[in-house]
């Protein structure tokens, strides 16, 4: 029969349409299970890294993440450098840490 019929079951399609990703990974986007596990492990490792920067757990809610971010951002804010409160870091190291704090907050709140 024809490839496409109007009574075709679209329930296997994850997002309701056909796109390049689904075409690349196979019919209806069913990727290799090993690839899914690798992606999940990579996401978890990223989450753990960012959670450690803010000092929160992976199960932290949006409000807890926000509170930890505010405390850390105030602690390492560039305005604090004049008073020498950089925890023994050089100004460049403190700048990099401040950027990591901001990146961690953005990453963790992007999906919560």
PDB file of N, CA and C in Angstrom:
ATOM      1  N   UNK A   1       0.816  -1.174   0.000  1.00  0.00           N
ATOM      2  CA  UNK A   1       0.000   0.000   0.000  1.00  0.00           C
ATOM      3  C   UNK A   1       0.869   1.251   0.000  1.00  0.00           C
ATOM      4  N   UNK A   2       0.205   2.365   0.023  1.00  0.00           N
ATOM      5  CA  UNK A   2       0.939   3.634   0.034  1.00  0.00           C
ATOM      6  C   UNK A   2       1.703   3.820   1.338  1.00  0.00           C
ATOM      7  N   UNK A   3       2.785   4.598   1.276  1.00  0.00           N
ATOM      8  CA  UNK A   3       3.595   4.852   2.477  1.00  0.00           C
ATOM      9  C   UNK A   3       2.784   5.589   3.539  1.00  0.00           C
ATOM     10  N   UNK A   4       1.966   6.519   3.109  1.00  0.00           N
ATOM     11  CA  UNK A   4       1.220   7.347   4.054  1.00  0.00           C
ATOM     12  C   UNK A   4      -0.272   7.174   3.820  1.00  0.00           C
ATOM     13  N   UNK A   5      -0.991   6.984   4.900  1.00  0.00           N
ATOM     14  CA  UNK A   5      -2.454   6.975   4.816  1.00  0.00           C
ATOM     15  C   UNK A   5      -2.986   7.880   5.901  1.00  0.00           C
ATOM     16  N   UNK A   6      -4.187   8.391   5.707  1.00  0.00           N
ATOM     17  CA  UNK A   6      -4.754   9.315   6.675  1.00  0.00           C
ATOM     18  C   UNK A   6      -5.131   8.636   7.980  1.00  0.00           C
ATOM     19  N   UNK A   7      -5.306   7.333   7.942  1.00  0.00           N
ATOM     20  CA  UNK A   7      -5.658   6.625   9.174  1.00  0.00           C
ATOM     21  C   UNK A   7      -4.424   6.034   9.861  1.00  0.00           C
ATOM     22  N   UNK A   8      -3.251   6.502   9.465  1.00  0.00           N
ATOM     23  CA  UNK A   8      -2.000   6.001  10.028  1.00  0.00           C
ATOM     24  C   UNK A   8      -1.888   6.369  11.512  1.00  0.00           C
ATOM     25  N   UNK A   9      -1.340   5.467  12.307  1.00  0.00           N
ATOM     26  CA  UNK A   9      -1.170   5.707  13.746  1.00  0.00           C
ATOM     27  C   UNK A   9       0.097   6.518  13.960  1.00  0.00           C
ATOM     28  N   UNK A  10      -0.031   7.745  14.499  1.00  0.00           N
ATOM     29  CA  UNK A  10       1.102   8.625  14.742  1.00  0.00           C
ATOM     30  C   UNK A  10       1.566   8.568  16.195  1.00  0.00           C
ATOM     31  N   UNK A  11       1.042   7.647  16.982  1.00  0.00           N
ATOM     32  CA  UNK A  11       1.336   7.629  18.414  1.00  0.00           C
ATOM     33  C   UNK A  11       2.798   7.320  18.728  1.00  0.00           C
ATOM     34  N   UNK A  12       3.523   6.703  17.811  1.00  0.00           N
ATOM     35  CA  UNK A  12       4.934   6.397  18.058  1.00  0.00           C
ATOM     36  C   UNK A  12       5.811   7.635  17.929  1.00  0.00           C
ATOM     37  N   UNK A  13       5.319   8.669  17.275  1.00  0.00           N
ATOM     38  CA  UNK A  13       6.094   9.887  17.061  1.00  0.00           C
ATOM     39  C   UNK A  13       6.120  10.687  18.357  1.00  0.00           C
ATOM     40  N   UNK A  14       7.332  11.020  18.840  1.00  0.00           N
ATOM     41  CA  UNK A  14       7.467  11.657  20.154  1.00  0.00           C
ATOM     42  C   UNK A  14       6.831  13.033  20.220  1.00  0.00           C
ATOM     43  N   UNK A  15       6.995  13.854  19.184  1.00  0.00           N
ATOM     44  CA  UNK A  15       6.503  15.228  19.270  1.00  0.00           C
ATOM     45  C   UNK A  15       5.444  15.560  18.229  1.00  0.00           C
ATOM     46  N   UNK A  16       4.924  14.561  17.549  1.00  0.00           N
ATOM     47  CA  UNK A  16       3.811  14.781  16.648  1.00  0.00           C
ATOM     48  C   UNK A  16       4.174  15.209  15.244  1.00  0.00           C
ATOM     49  N   UNK A  17       5.446  15.332  14.936  1.00  0.00           N
ATOM     50  CA  UNK A  17       5.830  15.679  13.579  1.00  0.00           C
ATOM     51  C   UNK A  17       7.091  14.914  13.200  1.00  0.00           C
ATOM     52  N   UNK A  18       7.430  14.972  11.938  1.00  0.00           N
ATOM     53  CA  UNK A  18       8.620  14.296  11.432  1.00  0.00           C
ATOM     54  C   UNK A  18       9.693  15.352  11.238  1.00  0.00           C
ATOM     55  N   UNK A  19      10.870  15.145  11.803  1.00  0.00           N
ATOM     56  CA  UNK A  19      11.938  16.115  11.604  1.00  0.00           C
ATOM     57  C   UNK A  19      13.258  15.414  11.349  1.00  0.00           C
ATOM     58  N   UNK A  20      14.299  16.214  11.110  1.00  0.00           N
ATOM     59  CA  UNK A  20      15.593  15.657  10.721  1.00  0.00           C
ATOM     60  C   UNK A  20      16.176  14.746  11.795  1.00  0.00           C
ATOM     61  N   UNK A  21      16.004  15.135  13.079  1.00  0.00           N
ATOM     62  CA  UNK A  21      16.558  14.308  14.150  1.00  0.00           C
ATOM     63  C   UNK A  21      15.940  12.923  14.115  1.00  0.00           C
ATOM     64  N   UNK A  22      14.630  12.871  13.945  1.00  0.00           N
ATOM     65  CA  UNK A  22      13.955  11.579  13.907  1.00  0.00           C
ATOM     66  C   UNK A  22      14.381  10.782  12.684  1.00  0.00           C
ATOM     67  N   UNK A  23      14.566  11.481  11.562  1.00  0.00           N
ATOM     68  CA  UNK A  23      14.994  10.791  10.356  1.00  0.00           C
ATOM     69  C   UNK A  23      16.396  10.227  10.542  1.00  0.00           C
ATOM     70  N   UNK A  24      17.277  11.009  11.194  1.00  0.00           N
ATOM     71  CA  UNK A  24      18.649  10.568  11.414  1.00  0.00           C
ATOM     72  C   UNK A  24      18.691   9.374  12.358  1.00  0.00           C
ATOM     73  N   UNK A  25      17.910   9.420  13.437  1.00  0.00           N
ATOM     74  CA  UNK A  25      17.995   8.374  14.454  1.00  0.00           C
ATOM     75  C   UNK A  25      17.087   7.184  14.179  1.00  0.00           C
ATOM     76  N   UNK A  26      16.346   7.236  13.126  1.00  0.00           N
ATOM     77  CA  UNK A  26      15.543   6.079  12.785  1.00  0.00           C
ATOM     78  C   UNK A  26      14.068   6.408  12.737  1.00  0.00           C
ATOM     79  N   UNK A  27      13.314   5.456  12.280  1.00  0.00           N
ATOM     80  CA  UNK A  27      11.880   5.647  12.093  1.00  0.00           C
ATOM     81  C   UNK A  27      11.216   6.071  13.388  1.00  0.00           C
ATOM     82  N   UNK A  28      10.509   7.204  13.351  1.00  0.00           N
ATOM     83  CA  UNK A  28       9.794   7.790  14.487  1.00  0.00           C
ATOM     84  C   UNK A  28      10.719   8.145  15.641  1.00  0.00           C
ATOM     85  N   UNK A  29      11.991   8.349  15.373  1.00  0.00           N
ATOM     86  CA  UNK A  29      12.901   8.859  16.387  1.00  0.00           C
ATOM     87  C   UNK A  29      13.292   7.880  17.470  1.00  0.00           C
ATOM     88  N   UNK A  30      13.197   6.604  17.205  1.00  0.00           N
ATOM     89  CA  UNK A  30      13.555   5.631  18.235  1.00  0.00           C
ATOM     90  C   UNK A  30      15.065   5.423  18.216  1.00  0.00           C
ATOM     91  N   UNK A  31      15.743   6.170  19.087  1.00  0.00           N
ATOM     92  CA  UNK A  31      17.203   6.105  19.146  1.00  0.00           C
ATOM     93  C   UNK A  31      17.656   4.831  19.839  1.00  0.00           C
ATOM     94  N   UNK A  32      18.895   4.550  19.622  1.00  0.00           N
ATOM     95  CA  UNK A  32      19.535   3.425  20.288  1.00  0.00           C
ATOM     96  C   UNK A  32      19.483   3.647  21.800  1.00  0.00           C
ATOM     97  N   UNK A  33      19.097   2.653  22.543  1.00  0.00           N
ATOM     98  CA  UNK A  33      18.947   2.774  24.005  1.00  0.00           C
ATOM     99  C   UNK A  33      20.265   3.141  24.682  1.00  0.00           C
ATOM    100  N   UNK A  34      21.365   2.649  24.159  1.00  0.00           N
ATOM    101  CA  UNK A  34      22.676   2.982  24.730  1.00  0.00           C
ATOM    102  C   UNK A  34      22.957   4.479  24.593  1.00  0.00           C
ATOM    103  N   UNK A  35      22.574   5.060  23.464  1.00  0.00           N
ATOM    104  CA  UNK A  35      22.747   6.498  23.253  1.00  0.00           C
ATOM    105  C   UNK A  35      21.929   7.289  24.266  1.00  0.00           C
ATOM    106  N   UNK A  36      20.721   6.850  24.544  1.00  0.00           N
ATOM    107  CA  UNK A  36      19.876   7.520  25.541  1.00  0.00           C
ATOM    108  C   UNK A  36      20.518   7.457  26.931  1.00  0.00           C
ATOM    109  N   UNK A  37      21.071   6.313  27.276  1.00  0.00           N
ATOM    110  CA  UNK A  37      21.725   6.169  28.586  1.00  0.00           C
ATOM    111  C   UNK A  37      22.938   7.080  28.694  1.00  0.00           C
ATOM    112  N   UNK A  38      23.732   7.161  27.609  1.00  0.00           N
ATOM    113  CA  UNK A  38      24.904   8.039  27.626  1.00  0.00           C
ATOM    114  C   UNK A  38      24.494   9.500  27.801  1.00  0.00           C
ATOM    115  N   UNK A  39      23.447   9.914  27.095  1.00  0.00           N
ATOM    116  CA  UNK A  39      22.972  11.289  27.216  1.00  0.00           C
ATOM    117  C   UNK A  39      22.469  11.581  28.626  1.00  0.00           C
ATOM    118  N   UNK A  40      21.749  10.632  29.217  1.00  0.00           N
ATOM    119  CA  UNK A  40      21.232  10.820  30.576  1.00  0.00           C
ATOM    120  C   UNK A  40      22.382  10.916  31.578  1.00  0.00           C
ATOM    121  N   UNK A  41      23.410  10.073  31.416  1.00  0.00           N
ATOM    122  CA  UNK A  41      24.567  10.114  32.307  1.00  0.00           C
ATOM    123  C   UNK A  41      25.309  11.438  32.161  1.00  0.00           C
ATOM    124  N   UNK A  42      25.416  11.932  30.940  1.00  0.00           N
ATOM    125  CA  UNK A  42      26.087  13.211  30.704  1.00  0.00           C
ATOM    126  C   UNK A  42      25.305  14.354  31.342  1.00  0.00           C
ATOM    127  N   UNK A  43      23.974  14.333  31.191  1.00  0.00           N
ATOM    128  CA  UNK A  43      23.140  15.367  31.809  1.00  0.00           C
ATOM    129  C   UNK A  43      23.266  15.332  33.325  1.00  0.00           C
ATOM    130  N   UNK A  44      23.279  14.128  33.898  1.00  0.00           N
ATOM    131  CA  UNK A  44      23.389  14.002  35.355  1.00  0.00           C
ATOM    132  C   UNK A  44      24.738  14.526  35.836  1.00  0.00           C
ATOM    133  N   UNK A  45      25.808  14.221  35.117  1.00  0.00           N
ATOM    134  CA  UNK A  45      27.134  14.709  35.494  1.00  0.00           C
ATOM    135  C   UNK A  45      27.182  16.238  35.443  1.00  0.00           C
ATOM    136  N   UNK A  46      26.575  16.822  34.401  1.00  0.00           N
ATOM    137  CA  UNK A  46      26.507  18.288  34.307  1.00  0.00           C
ATOM    138  C   UNK A  46      25.715  18.859  35.478  1.00  0.00           C
ATOM    139  N   UNK A  47      24.574  18.239  35.780  1.00  0.00           N
ATOM    140  CA  UNK A  47      23.750  18.707  36.900  1.00  0.00           C
ATOM    141  C   UNK A  47      24.521  18.637  38.213  1.00  0.00           C
ATOM    142  N   UNK A  48      25.241  17.533  38.430  1.00  0.00           N
ATOM    143  CA  UNK A  48      26.019  17.370  39.668  1.00  0.00           C
ATOM    144  C   UNK A  48      27.105  18.430  39.776  1.00  0.00           C
ATOM    145  N   UNK A  49      27.778  18.701  38.652  1.00  0.00           N
ATOM    146  CA  UNK A  49      28.836  19.712  38.649  1.00  0.00           C
ATOM    147  C   UNK A  49      28.266  21.080  39.020  1.00  0.00           C
ATOM    148  N   UNK A  50      27.168  21.456  38.406  1.00  0.00           N
ATOM    149  CA  UNK A  50      26.574  22.761  38.671  1.00  0.00           C
ATOM    150  C   UNK A  50      25.974  22.839  40.075  1.00  0.00           C
ATOM    151  N   UNK A  51      25.386  21.747  40.548  1.00  0.00           N
ATOM    152  CA  UNK A  51      24.824  21.736  41.897  1.00  0.00           C
ATOM    153  C   UNK A  51      25.930  21.899  42.932  1.00  0.00           C
ATOM    154  N   UNK A  52      27.100  21.295  42.687  1.00  0.00           N
ATOM    155  CA  UNK A  52      28.225  21.410  43.612  1.00  0.00           C
ATOM    156  C   UNK A  52      28.730  22.847  43.693  1.00  0.00           C
ATOM    157  N   UNK A  53      28.716  23.565  42.570  1.00  0.00           N
ATOM    158  CA  UNK A  53      29.152  24.967  42.566  1.00  0.00           C
ATOM    159  C   UNK A  53      28.273  25.796  43.495  1.00  0.00           C
ATOM    160  N   UNK A  54      26.964  25.534  43.457  1.00  0.00           N
ATOM    161  CA  UNK A  54      26.044  26.296  44.299  1.00  0.00           C
ATOM    162  C   UNK A  54      25.878  25.694  45.694  1.00  0.00           C
ATOM    163  N   UNK A  55      26.370  24.477  45.881  1.00  0.00           N
ATOM    164  CA  UNK A  55      26.249  23.826  47.189  1.00  0.00           C
ATOM    165  C   UNK A  55      24.854  23.318  47.480  1.00  0.00           C
ATOM    166  N   UNK A  56      24.150  22.867  46.447  1.00  0.00           N
ATOM    167  CA  UNK A  56      22.809  22.312  46.620  1.00  0.00           C
ATOM    168  C   UNK A  56      22.792  20.867  46.135  1.00  0.00           C
ATOM    169  N   UNK A  57      21.760  20.139  46.515  1.00  0.00           N
ATOM    170  CA  UNK A  57      21.598  18.775  46.046  1.00  0.00           C
ATOM    171  C   UNK A  57      20.891  18.743  44.702  1.00  0.00           C
ATOM    172  N   UNK A  58      20.932  17.582  44.043  1.00  0.00           N
ATOM    173  CA  UNK A  58      20.264  17.441  42.754  1.00  0.00           C
ATOM    174  C   UNK A  58      18.753  17.560  42.875  1.00  0.00           C
ATOM    175  N   UNK A  59      18.237  17.281  44.060  1.00  0.00           N
ATOM    176  CA  UNK A  59      16.790  17.345  44.264  1.00  0.00           C
ATOM    177  C   UNK A  59      16.318  18.729  44.715  1.00  0.00           C
ATOM    178  N   UNK A  60      17.213  19.705  44.711  1.00  0.00           N
ATOM    179  CA  UNK A  60      16.869  21.062  45.156  1.00  0.00           C
ATOM    180  C   UNK A  60      15.813  21.673  44.243  1.00  0.00           C
ATOM    181  N   UNK A  61      14.881  22.370  44.854  1.00  0.00           N
ATOM    182  CA  UNK A  61      13.853  23.058  44.088  1.00  0.00           C
ATOM    183  C   UNK A  61      14.329  24.415  43.617  1.00  0.00           C
ATOM    184  N   UNK A  62      13.507  25.050  42.827  1.00  0.00           N
ATOM    185  CA  UNK A  62      13.863  26.347  42.247  1.00  0.00           C
ATOM    186  C   UNK A  62      14.178  27.390  43.323  1.00  0.00           C
ATOM    187  N   UNK A  63      13.392  27.429  44.409  1.00  0.00           N
ATOM    188  CA  UNK A  63      13.618  28.426  45.471  1.00  0.00           C
ATOM    189  C   UNK A  63      14.938  28.183  46.196  1.00  0.00           C
ATOM    190  N   UNK A  64      15.261  26.922  46.460  1.00  0.00           N
ATOM    191  CA  UNK A  64      16.530  26.601  47.123  1.00  0.00           C
ATOM    192  C   UNK A  64      17.721  26.958  46.233  1.00  0.00           C
ATOM    193  N   UNK A  65      17.589  26.689  44.945  1.00  0.00           N
ATOM    194  CA  UNK A  65      18.652  27.032  43.996  1.00  0.00           C
ATOM    195  C   UNK A  65      18.839  28.545  43.951  1.00  0.00           C
ATOM    196  N   UNK A  66      17.727  29.269  43.912  1.00  0.00           N
ATOM    197  CA  UNK A  66      17.788  30.728  43.849  1.00  0.00           C
ATOM    198  C   UNK A  66      18.447  31.310  45.099  1.00  0.00           C
ATOM    199  N   UNK A  67      18.092  30.782  46.276  1.00  0.00           N
ATOM    200  CA  UNK A  67      18.677  31.270  47.528  1.00  0.00           C
ATOM    201  C   UNK A  67      20.183  31.000  47.571  1.00  0.00           C
ATOM    202  N   UNK A  68      20.590  29.788  47.152  1.00  0.00           N
ATOM    203  CA  UNK A  68      22.019  29.447  47.135  1.00  0.00           C
ATOM    204  C   UNK A  68      22.762  30.329  46.139  1.00  0.00           C
ATOM    205  N   UNK A  69      22.144  30.575  44.992  1.00  0.00           N
ATOM    206  CA  UNK A  69      22.761  31.441  43.979  1.00  0.00           C
ATOM    207  C   UNK A  69      22.980  32.843  44.528  1.00  0.00           C
ATOM    208  N   UNK A  70      21.960  33.404  45.160  1.00  0.00           N
ATOM    209  CA  UNK A  70      22.084  34.771  45.688  1.00  0.00           C
ATOM    210  C   UNK A  70      23.202  34.864  46.726  1.00  0.00           C
ATOM    211  N   UNK A  71      23.269  33.870  47.611  1.00  0.00           N
ATOM    212  CA  UNK A  71      24.305  33.878  48.648  1.00  0.00           C
ATOM    213  C   UNK A  71      25.702  33.796  48.027  1.00  0.00           C
ATOM    214  N   UNK A  72      25.880  32.867  47.069  1.00  0.00           N
ATOM    215  CA  UNK A  72      27.194  32.701  46.431  1.00  0.00           C
ATOM    216  C   UNK A  72      27.553  33.907  45.567  1.00  0.00           C
ATOM    217  N   UNK A  73      26.574  34.441  44.851  1.00  0.00           N
ATOM    218  CA  UNK A  73      26.843  35.595  43.982  1.00  0.00           C
ATOM    219  C   UNK A  73      27.253  36.803  44.809  1.00  0.00           C
ATOM    220  N   UNK A  74      26.605  37.003  45.951  1.00  0.00           N
ATOM    221  CA  UNK A  74      26.995  38.110  46.824  1.00  0.00           C
ATOM    222  C   UNK A  74      28.394  37.892  47.395  1.00  0.00           C
ATOM    223  N   UNK A  75      28.680  36.643  47.726  1.00  0.00           N
ATOM    224  CA  UNK A  75      29.975  36.307  48.317  1.00  0.00           C
ATOM    225  C   UNK A  75      31.125  36.559  47.341  1.00  0.00           C
ATOM    226  N   UNK A  76      30.916  36.269  46.069  1.00  0.00           N
ATOM    227  CA  UNK A  76      31.994  36.378  45.076  1.00  0.00           C
ATOM    228  C   UNK A  76      31.784  37.527  44.099  1.00  0.00           C
ATOM    229  N   UNK A  77      30.896  38.446  44.410  1.00  0.00           N
ATOM    230  CA  UNK A  77      30.619  39.558  43.511  1.00  0.00           C
ATOM    231  C   UNK A  77      31.854  40.455  43.372  1.00  0.00           C
ATOM    232  N   UNK A  78      32.083  41.009  42.180  1.00  0.00           N
ATOM    233  CA  UNK A  78      33.259  41.874  41.966  1.00  0.00           C
ATOM    234  C   UNK A  78      33.340  43.060  42.925  1.00  0.00           C
ATOM    235  N   UNK A  79      32.214  43.557  43.398  1.00  0.00           N
ATOM    236  CA  UNK A  79      32.245  44.674  44.349  1.00  0.00           C
ATOM    237  C   UNK A  79      32.897  44.289  45.669  1.00  0.00           C
ATOM    238  N   UNK A  80      32.943  43.013  45.982  1.00  0.00           N
ATOM    239  CA  UNK A  80      33.550  42.542  47.230  1.00  0.00           C
ATOM    240  C   UNK A  80      35.070  42.480  47.148  1.00  0.00           C
ATOM    241  N   UNK A  81      35.625  42.536  45.938  1.00  0.00           N
ATOM    242  CA  UNK A  81      37.063  42.380  45.776  1.00  0.00           C
ATOM    243  C   UNK A  81      37.839  43.529  46.398  1.00  0.00           C
ATOM    244  N   UNK A  82      37.245  44.695  46.435  1.00  0.00           N
ATOM    245  CA  UNK A  82      37.935  45.847  47.018  1.00  0.00           C
ATOM    246  C   UNK A  82      38.264  45.606  48.481  1.00  0.00           C
ATOM    247  N   UNK A  83      37.401  44.852  49.158  1.00  0.00           N
ATOM    248  CA  UNK A  83      37.642  44.562  50.576  1.00  0.00           C
ATOM    249  C   UNK A  83      38.530  43.336  50.766  1.00  0.00           C
ATOM    250  N   UNK A  84      38.959  42.696  49.685  1.00  0.00           N
ATOM    251  CA  UNK A  84      39.865  41.550  49.763  1.00  0.00           C
ATOM    252  C   UNK A  84      39.175  40.240  50.102  1.00  0.00           C
ATOM    253  N   UNK A  85      37.847  40.173  49.975  1.00  0.00           N
ATOM    254  CA  UNK A  85      37.100  38.961  50.333  1.00  0.00           C
ATOM    255  C   UNK A  85      36.986  38.009  49.149  1.00  0.00           C
ATOM    256  N   UNK A  86      38.129  37.551  48.635  1.00  0.00           N
ATOM    257  CA  UNK A  86      38.105  36.639  47.488  1.00  0.00           C
ATOM    258  C   UNK A  86      38.520  35.224  47.887  1.00  0.00           C
ATOM    259  N   UNK A  87      38.493  34.921  49.185  1.00  0.00           N
ATOM    260  CA  UNK A  87      38.788  33.570  49.683  1.00  0.00           C
ATOM    261  C   UNK A  87      40.154  33.077  49.241  1.00  0.00           C
ATOM    262  N   UNK A  88      41.130  33.949  49.245  1.00  0.00           N
ATOM    263  CA  UNK A  88      42.485  33.547  48.873  1.00  0.00           C
ATOM    264  C   UNK A  88      42.680  33.366  47.384  1.00  0.00           C
ATOM    265  N   UNK A  89      41.690  33.724  46.586  1.00  0.00           N
ATOM    266  CA  UNK A  89      41.811  33.596  45.137  1.00  0.00           C
ATOM    267  C   UNK A  89      42.356  34.898  44.564  1.00  0.00           C
ATOM    268  N   UNK A  90      43.007  34.758  43.419  1.00  0.00           N
ATOM    269  CA  UNK A  90      43.378  35.968  42.701  1.00  0.00           C
ATOM    270  C   UNK A  90      42.103  36.568  42.114  1.00  0.00           C
ATOM    271  N   UNK A  91      42.180  37.785  41.655  1.00  0.00           N
ATOM    272  CA  UNK A  91      40.991  38.427  41.089  1.00  0.00           C
ATOM    273  C   UNK A  91      40.501  37.666  39.855  1.00  0.00           C
ATOM    274  N   UNK A  92      41.413  37.134  39.052  1.00  0.00           N
ATOM    275  CA  UNK A  92      41.034  36.356  37.869  1.00  0.00           C
ATOM    276  C   UNK A  92      40.323  35.066  38.264  1.00  0.00           C
ATOM    277  N   UNK A  93      40.839  34.383  39.291  1.00  0.00           N
ATOM    278  CA  UNK A  93      40.201  33.157  39.754  1.00  0.00           C
ATOM    279  C   UNK A  93      38.811  33.447  40.322  1.00  0.00           C
ATOM    280  N   UNK A  94      38.708  34.546  41.072  1.00  0.00           N
ATOM    281  CA  UNK A  94      37.410  34.919  41.630  1.00  0.00           C
ATOM    282  C   UNK A  94      36.425  35.280  40.523  1.00  0.00           C
ATOM    283  N   UNK A  95      36.909  35.927  39.466  1.00  0.00           N
ATOM    284  CA  UNK A  95      36.057  36.255  38.323  1.00  0.00           C
ATOM    285  C   UNK A  95      35.538  34.989  37.665  1.00  0.00           C
ATOM    286  N   UNK A  96      36.424  34.020  37.466  1.00  0.00           N
ATOM    287  CA  UNK A  96      36.017  32.746  36.862  1.00  0.00           C
ATOM    288  C   UNK A  96      35.007  32.017  37.750  1.00  0.00           C
ATOM    289  N   UNK A  97      35.221  32.056  39.055  1.00  0.00           N
ATOM    290  CA  UNK A  97      34.286  31.393  39.969  1.00  0.00           C
ATOM    291  C   UNK A  97      32.927  32.084  39.930  1.00  0.00           C
ATOM    292  N   UNK A  98      32.917  33.401  39.864  1.00  0.00           N
ATOM    293  CA  UNK A  98      31.660  34.146  39.759  1.00  0.00           C
ATOM    294  C   UNK A  98      30.913  33.754  38.478  1.00  0.00           C
ATOM    295  N   UNK A  99      31.645  33.564  37.377  1.00  0.00           N
ATOM    296  CA  UNK A  99      31.027  33.123  36.119  1.00  0.00           C
ATOM    297  C   UNK A  99      30.461  31.713  36.259  1.00  0.00           C
ATOM    298  N   UNK A 100      31.203  30.819  36.961  1.00  0.00           N
ATOM    299  CA  UNK A 100      30.707  29.456  37.182  1.00  0.00           C
ATOM    300  C   UNK A 100      29.416  29.475  37.994  1.00  0.00           C
ATOM    301  N   UNK A 101      29.335  30.368  38.985  1.00  0.00           N
ATOM    302  CA  UNK A 101      28.130  30.495  39.807  1.00  0.00           C
ATOM    303  C   UNK A 101      26.946  30.893  38.924  1.00  0.00           C
ATOM    304  N   UNK A 102      27.151  31.884  38.065  1.00  0.00           N
ATOM    305  CA  UNK A 102      26.078  32.312  37.160  1.00  0.00           C
ATOM    306  C   UNK A 102      25.675  31.204  36.188  1.00  0.00           C
ATOM    307  N   UNK A 103      26.657  30.513  35.615  1.00  0.00           N
ATOM    308  CA  UNK A 103      26.364  29.411  34.695  1.00  0.00           C
ATOM    309  C   UNK A 103      25.605  28.291  35.390  1.00  0.00           C
ATOM    310  N   UNK A 104      26.003  27.987  36.621  1.00  0.00           N
ATOM    311  CA  UNK A 104      25.331  26.930  37.374  1.00  0.00           C
ATOM    312  C   UNK A 104      23.868  27.285  37.614  1.00  0.00           C
ATOM    313  N   UNK A 105      23.622  28.530  37.997  1.00  0.00           N
ATOM    314  CA  UNK A 105      22.246  28.966  38.232  1.00  0.00           C
ATOM    315  C   UNK A 105      21.414  28.870  36.952  1.00  0.00           C
ATOM    316  N   UNK A 106      21.964  29.355  35.851  1.00  0.00           N
ATOM    317  CA  UNK A 106      21.243  29.303  34.580  1.00  0.00           C
ATOM    318  C   UNK A 106      20.953  27.869  34.167  1.00  0.00           C
ATOM    319  N   UNK A 107      21.944  26.988  34.331  1.00  0.00           N
ATOM    320  CA  UNK A 107      21.763  25.584  33.938  1.00  0.00           C
ATOM    321  C   UNK A 107      20.691  24.907  34.789  1.00  0.00           C
ATOM    322  N   UNK A 108      20.792  25.069  36.107  1.00  0.00           N
ATOM    323  CA  UNK A 108      19.870  24.361  37.005  1.00  0.00           C
ATOM    324  C   UNK A 108      18.446  24.898  36.946  1.00  0.00           C
ATOM    325  N   UNK A 109      18.283  26.171  36.617  1.00  0.00           N
ATOM    326  CA  UNK A 109      16.926  26.712  36.560  1.00  0.00           C
ATOM    327  C   UNK A 109      16.340  26.642  35.157  1.00  0.00           C
ATOM    328  N   UNK A 110      17.101  26.169  34.206  1.00  0.00           N
ATOM    329  CA  UNK A 110      16.602  26.108  32.825  1.00  0.00           C
ATOM    330  C   UNK A 110      15.513  25.062  32.655  1.00  0.00           C
ATOM    331  N   UNK A 111      15.431  24.088  33.547  1.00  0.00           N
ATOM    332  CA  UNK A 111      14.419  23.027  33.404  1.00  0.00           C
ATOM    333  C   UNK A 111      13.638  22.770  34.673  1.00  0.00           C
ATOM    334  N   UNK A 112      13.793  23.606  35.695  1.00  0.00           N
ATOM    335  CA  UNK A 112      13.044  23.391  36.944  1.00  0.00           C
ATOM    336  C   UNK A 112      11.973  24.419  37.103  1.00  0.00           C
TER     337      UNK A 112
END
